[in-house]
N, C-alpha and C. Protein backbone atom coordinates (compact mmCIF):
# COMPACT_ATOMS: atom_id res chain seq x y z
N MET A 1 -18.78 -8.48 0.62
CA MET A 1 -19.20 -6.98 -0.25
C MET A 1 -17.65 -7.65 -1.44
N LEU A 2 -18.73 -7.05 -3.15
CA LEU A 2 -17.63 -6.73 -4.10
C LEU A 2 -17.40 -5.88 -4.43
N LEU A 3 -16.01 -4.97 -4.44
CA LEU A 3 -15.27 -3.95 -4.73
C LEU A 3 -14.60 -4.50 -5.92
N SER A 4 -14.45 -3.49 -7.18
CA SER A 4 -14.01 -3.12 -8.32
C SER A 4 -12.07 -2.98 -7.71
N PHE A 5 -11.58 -3.03 -8.31
CA PHE A 5 -10.01 -2.28 -7.89
C PHE A 5 -9.77 -0.87 -8.17
N GLU A 6 -11.11 -0.15 -8.99
CA GLU A 6 -11.06 1.68 -9.29
C GLU A 6 -11.68 2.00 -8.42
N GLU A 7 -13.04 1.02 -7.75
CA GLU A 7 -13.06 1.66 -6.46
C GLU A 7 -12.31 1.49 -5.03
N LEU A 8 -11.48 0.66 -5.22
CA LEU A 8 -10.74 -0.07 -4.11
C LEU A 8 -9.65 1.44 -3.99
N CYS A 9 -8.93 1.77 -4.81
CA CYS A 9 -8.05 3.27 -5.09
C CYS A 9 -8.83 3.72 -5.14
N ARG A 10 -9.87 4.52 -4.73
CA ARG A 10 -9.98 5.46 -4.13
C ARG A 10 -10.32 5.56 -2.42
N LYS A 11 -10.36 4.44 -1.82
CA LYS A 11 -10.41 4.88 -0.62
C LYS A 11 -8.47 5.20 0.10
N GLU A 12 -9.17 5.71 1.55
CA GLU A 12 -8.20 6.32 1.74
C GLU A 12 -7.41 5.01 2.64
N VAL A 13 -6.56 4.97 3.38
CA VAL A 13 -5.88 3.58 4.34
C VAL A 13 -5.53 4.31 5.63
N ILE A 14 -6.76 4.16 6.73
CA ILE A 14 -5.92 4.87 8.55
C ILE A 14 -5.65 3.79 8.68
N ASP A 15 -4.32 4.02 9.71
CA ASP A 15 -4.41 3.05 10.85
C ASP A 15 -5.15 3.17 11.97
N ILE A 16 -5.72 2.60 12.66
CA ILE A 16 -6.62 2.77 13.95
C ILE A 16 -6.21 2.77 14.86
N ALA A 17 -4.52 2.27 14.88
CA ALA A 17 -4.62 2.59 16.31
C ALA A 17 -3.38 3.55 16.78
N THR A 18 -3.23 4.63 15.45
CA THR A 18 -2.20 5.56 15.67
C THR A 18 -3.05 6.87 14.74
N GLY A 19 -4.04 6.30 14.18
CA GLY A 19 -5.01 7.37 13.24
C GLY A 19 -3.58 7.93 12.62
N GLU A 20 -3.34 7.14 12.09
CA GLU A 20 -2.54 7.83 10.68
C GLU A 20 -2.47 7.71 9.71
N ARG A 21 -2.80 8.35 8.66
CA ARG A 21 -3.21 8.64 7.59
C ARG A 21 -2.58 7.92 6.57
N LEU A 22 -2.23 6.20 5.50
CA LEU A 22 -1.21 6.03 5.52
C LEU A 22 -1.01 5.83 4.26
N GLY A 23 -1.96 6.58 3.36
CA GLY A 23 -2.33 6.86 1.98
C GLY A 23 -3.69 5.86 1.12
N PHE A 24 -3.51 6.24 0.18
CA PHE A 24 -4.13 5.94 -0.47
C PHE A 24 -4.18 4.59 -1.75
N ILE A 25 -4.90 3.12 -1.83
CA ILE A 25 -4.66 2.23 -2.53
C ILE A 25 -4.30 2.27 -3.61
N ASP A 26 -2.56 1.86 -3.73
CA ASP A 26 -1.88 1.90 -4.95
C ASP A 26 -2.18 0.99 -6.17
N ASP A 27 -1.87 -0.27 -5.52
CA ASP A 27 -2.02 -1.83 -6.73
C ASP A 27 -2.55 -2.69 -4.75
N ILE A 28 -2.61 -4.21 -5.62
CA ILE A 28 -2.80 -5.52 -4.85
C ILE A 28 -1.85 -6.27 -5.03
N LYS A 29 -1.87 -7.14 -4.28
CA LYS A 29 -0.90 -8.58 -4.71
C LYS A 29 -1.96 -9.71 -4.42
N VAL A 30 -1.96 -10.29 -5.14
CA VAL A 30 -3.09 -11.15 -5.84
C VAL A 30 -2.14 -12.80 -6.05
N ASP A 31 -2.78 -13.60 -4.93
CA ASP A 31 -1.95 -14.75 -5.43
C ASP A 31 -3.28 -15.67 -6.57
N ILE A 32 -2.31 -15.49 -7.90
CA ILE A 32 -3.10 -15.98 -9.00
C ILE A 32 -3.55 -17.76 -9.10
N GLU A 33 -3.07 -18.53 -8.29
CA GLU A 33 -3.70 -20.36 -7.76
C GLU A 33 -4.84 -20.07 -7.10
N SER A 34 -5.01 -19.06 -5.95
CA SER A 34 -6.30 -19.29 -5.49
C SER A 34 -7.23 -17.85 -5.83
N GLY A 35 -6.64 -16.94 -6.53
CA GLY A 35 -7.96 -15.36 -6.42
C GLY A 35 -7.85 -15.06 -5.05
N ASN A 36 -6.83 -14.93 -5.05
CA ASN A 36 -6.70 -14.40 -3.27
C ASN A 36 -6.45 -13.03 -3.59
N VAL A 37 -6.70 -12.20 -2.63
CA VAL A 37 -5.76 -11.14 -2.60
C VAL A 37 -5.28 -11.04 -1.28
N GLU A 38 -3.82 -10.81 -1.73
CA GLU A 38 -3.05 -11.09 -0.46
C GLU A 38 -2.97 -9.88 0.95
N SER A 39 -2.60 -8.93 0.10
CA SER A 39 -2.20 -7.42 0.77
C SER A 39 -2.36 -6.46 -0.41
N LEU A 40 -2.31 -5.10 0.19
CA LEU A 40 -2.54 -3.94 -0.49
C LEU A 40 -1.64 -3.37 -0.71
N VAL A 41 -0.92 -2.60 -1.22
CA VAL A 41 -0.03 -1.84 -1.64
C VAL A 41 0.15 -0.55 -1.06
N ILE A 42 0.44 0.44 -0.87
CA ILE A 42 0.30 2.22 -0.99
C ILE A 42 2.19 2.52 -1.31
N TYR A 43 1.90 3.03 -1.96
CA TYR A 43 3.22 3.52 -2.91
C TYR A 43 4.15 4.65 -1.97
N GLY A 44 5.22 4.69 -1.68
CA GLY A 44 5.75 5.16 -0.91
C GLY A 44 6.13 6.44 -1.49
N CYS A 45 6.17 8.35 -1.35
CA CYS A 45 6.60 9.51 -1.34
C CYS A 45 7.33 9.14 -2.69
N VAL A 46 7.27 10.52 -2.78
CA VAL A 46 8.22 10.65 -4.11
C VAL A 46 9.47 11.36 -3.75
N ARG A 47 11.20 11.93 -3.88
CA ARG A 47 11.91 12.57 -3.24
C ARG A 47 12.52 13.28 -4.41
N LEU A 48 12.06 14.20 -3.93
CA LEU A 48 12.74 15.22 -5.55
C LEU A 48 12.09 15.45 -6.43
N PHE A 49 10.56 15.31 -6.59
CA PHE A 49 10.20 15.00 -8.12
C PHE A 49 10.78 13.69 -7.92
N GLY A 50 10.95 12.22 -7.73
CA GLY A 50 11.31 11.30 -8.78
C GLY A 50 13.08 11.05 -9.04
N LEU A 51 13.36 12.44 -8.58
CA LEU A 51 14.78 12.04 -9.40
C LEU A 51 15.67 11.08 -8.10
N PHE A 52 15.26 11.13 -7.11
CA PHE A 52 16.00 10.71 -5.92
C PHE A 52 14.98 9.47 -5.43
N GLY A 53 14.34 8.60 -6.09
CA GLY A 53 13.62 7.60 -6.29
C GLY A 53 12.08 7.85 -5.28
N ARG A 54 11.44 7.12 -4.76
CA ARG A 54 10.92 7.38 -4.06
C ARG A 54 11.42 6.37 -1.97
N GLU A 55 10.54 6.79 -1.60
CA GLU A 55 10.45 6.11 -0.27
C GLU A 55 9.91 4.84 0.00
N ASN A 56 9.90 3.77 0.93
CA ASN A 56 9.42 2.44 1.35
C ASN A 56 8.37 1.89 0.84
N ASP A 57 7.70 1.58 0.30
CA ASP A 57 5.77 1.12 0.31
C ASP A 57 5.40 0.77 0.90
N THR A 58 4.70 0.89 1.60
CA THR A 58 3.32 0.33 2.24
C THR A 58 3.39 -0.69 2.39
N VAL A 59 3.13 -2.04 2.74
CA VAL A 59 1.96 -3.16 2.24
C VAL A 59 1.47 -3.85 3.30
N ILE A 60 0.44 -3.37 3.23
CA ILE A 60 -0.57 -4.11 4.30
C ILE A 60 -0.95 -5.38 4.31
N SER A 61 -1.01 -6.12 5.09
CA SER A 61 -1.70 -7.60 4.33
C SER A 61 -3.11 -7.66 4.92
N CYS A 62 -4.90 -8.40 4.38
CA CYS A 62 -5.21 -8.31 4.16
C CYS A 62 -5.96 -8.44 5.81
N LYS A 63 -4.60 -9.85 6.69
CA LYS A 63 -5.41 -9.81 7.59
C LYS A 63 -5.22 -8.83 8.59
N ASP A 64 -4.71 -7.38 8.46
CA ASP A 64 -4.93 -6.57 9.32
C ASP A 64 -6.00 -5.36 8.64
N ILE A 65 -6.93 -5.69 8.27
CA ILE A 65 -7.83 -4.99 7.25
C ILE A 65 -9.35 -5.58 8.50
N LYS A 66 -10.08 -4.43 9.10
CA LYS A 66 -10.12 -4.04 9.94
C LYS A 66 -11.95 -4.13 9.39
N VAL A 67 -12.20 -2.86 8.83
CA VAL A 67 -13.06 -2.47 8.18
C VAL A 67 -13.13 -1.65 6.91
N VAL A 68 -13.66 -1.64 6.06
CA VAL A 68 -14.09 -1.76 4.59
C VAL A 68 -15.06 -0.66 4.15
N GLY A 69 -15.09 1.07 4.97
CA GLY A 69 -15.88 2.05 4.21
C GLY A 69 -16.19 2.29 3.35
N GLU A 70 -17.55 3.44 3.55
CA GLU A 70 -17.23 3.47 1.99
C GLU A 70 -16.17 4.82 1.40
N ASP A 71 -15.92 5.13 2.02
CA ASP A 71 -14.37 6.07 1.90
C ASP A 71 -12.98 6.10 2.25
N VAL A 72 -12.94 5.00 3.12
CA VAL A 72 -11.61 4.72 3.74
C VAL A 72 -11.75 3.19 4.07
N VAL A 73 -10.99 2.86 4.31
CA VAL A 73 -10.33 1.11 4.89
C VAL A 73 -9.52 1.35 5.85
N LEU A 74 -9.75 0.53 7.01
CA LEU A 74 -9.28 0.86 8.53
C LEU A 74 -8.28 -0.11 8.49
N VAL A 75 -7.42 -0.32 9.28
CA VAL A 75 -6.48 -1.45 9.51
C VAL A 75 -5.61 -1.16 10.78
N GLN A 76 -5.43 -2.31 11.63
CA GLN A 76 -4.23 -2.02 12.85
C GLN A 76 -3.65 -2.88 12.04
N ARG A 77 -2.18 -2.38 11.63
CA ARG A 77 -1.55 -3.24 12.04
C ARG A 77 -0.68 -3.78 13.08
N ASP A 78 0.33 -5.01 13.00
CA ASP A 78 0.76 -5.67 14.11
C ASP A 78 2.14 -4.55 14.54
N ASN A 79 2.24 -4.21 15.44
CA ASN A 79 3.63 -2.92 16.53
C ASN A 79 4.93 -3.54 16.28
N SER A 80 4.82 -5.02 15.76
CA SER A 80 6.20 -6.47 15.74
C SER A 80 6.62 -5.88 14.20
N ALA A 81 5.34 -5.42 13.43
CA ALA A 81 6.04 -5.28 11.91
C ALA A 81 6.48 -4.21 11.29
N GLU A 82 7.44 -4.26 10.38
CA GLU A 82 8.56 -3.38 10.15
C GLU A 82 6.97 -2.42 9.26
N ARG A 83 7.45 -0.55 9.68
CA ARG A 83 6.25 0.15 9.74
C ARG A 83 6.04 0.49 7.66
N ALA A 84 7.10 -0.25 6.81
CA ALA A 84 7.02 0.03 5.73
C ALA A 84 7.94 -0.31 5.14
N GLN A 85 7.53 -2.19 4.41
CA GLN A 85 7.91 -2.58 3.88
C GLN A 85 8.36 -2.59 2.07
N SER A 86 9.68 -2.44 2.19
CA SER A 86 9.74 -3.15 0.46
C SER A 86 9.75 -4.07 0.27
N THR A 87 8.94 -3.34 -1.21
CA THR A 87 8.77 -4.34 -2.09
C THR A 87 9.87 -5.14 -3.49
N LYS A 88 9.26 -6.14 -3.81
CA LYS A 88 10.04 -6.95 -4.53
C LYS A 88 10.29 -5.41 -5.63
N TYR A 89 9.67 -4.67 -5.95
CA TYR A 89 9.14 -4.12 -7.94
C TYR A 89 10.45 -3.07 -7.68
N GLN A 90 11.22 -2.84 -8.66
CA GLN A 90 12.17 -1.59 -8.31
C GLN A 90 12.07 -0.79 -9.41
N LYS A 91 11.97 0.48 -8.77
CA LYS A 91 11.19 1.74 -9.43
C LYS A 91 12.35 2.38 -10.67
N ASN A 92 11.92 2.59 -11.39
CA ASN A 92 12.54 3.53 -12.65
C ASN A 92 12.64 5.14 -11.83
N SER A 93 13.42 5.28 -11.50
CA SER A 93 14.33 6.55 -10.92
C SER A 93 14.93 7.08 -12.22
N PHE A 94 15.43 8.83 -12.30
CA PHE A 94 15.81 9.28 -12.86
C PHE A 94 17.68 9.01 -12.64
N LEU A 95 17.79 8.64 -11.31
CA LEU A 95 19.08 8.24 -11.12
C LEU A 95 18.89 6.90 -11.44
N SER A 96 18.59 5.55 -11.55
CA SER A 96 18.70 4.32 -11.45
C SER A 96 18.54 4.38 -13.30
N LEU A 97 18.45 5.17 -13.43
CA LEU A 97 18.61 4.78 -15.16
C LEU A 97 20.09 5.33 -15.59
N LEU A 98 20.40 5.98 -14.66
CA LEU A 98 21.82 6.07 -14.95
C LEU A 98 23.04 5.33 -14.63
N LYS A 99 22.57 3.95 -13.97
CA LYS A 99 23.38 3.45 -13.96
C LYS A 99 23.55 2.03 -14.71
């Protein structure tokens, strides 16, 4: 199944183990040398209109994806993994601009 990035971003991600709605796909991590998608990224919620930055992003490895449906992506995350991993991208929040 081939999907464009735009089509992928319209799909909601749900953890089948807990039934938790994780959110919509915001970004992907790609291995440039092989051209393979490594993981999906769901950005964390903004705190107080973005003045206090964001919560940690949720990073879902491609090995955790079980089903890609028409409207949703079903994943089963490893229980030992952290629920939300911080990405290496620096968030531009109002407070970080003052530093």
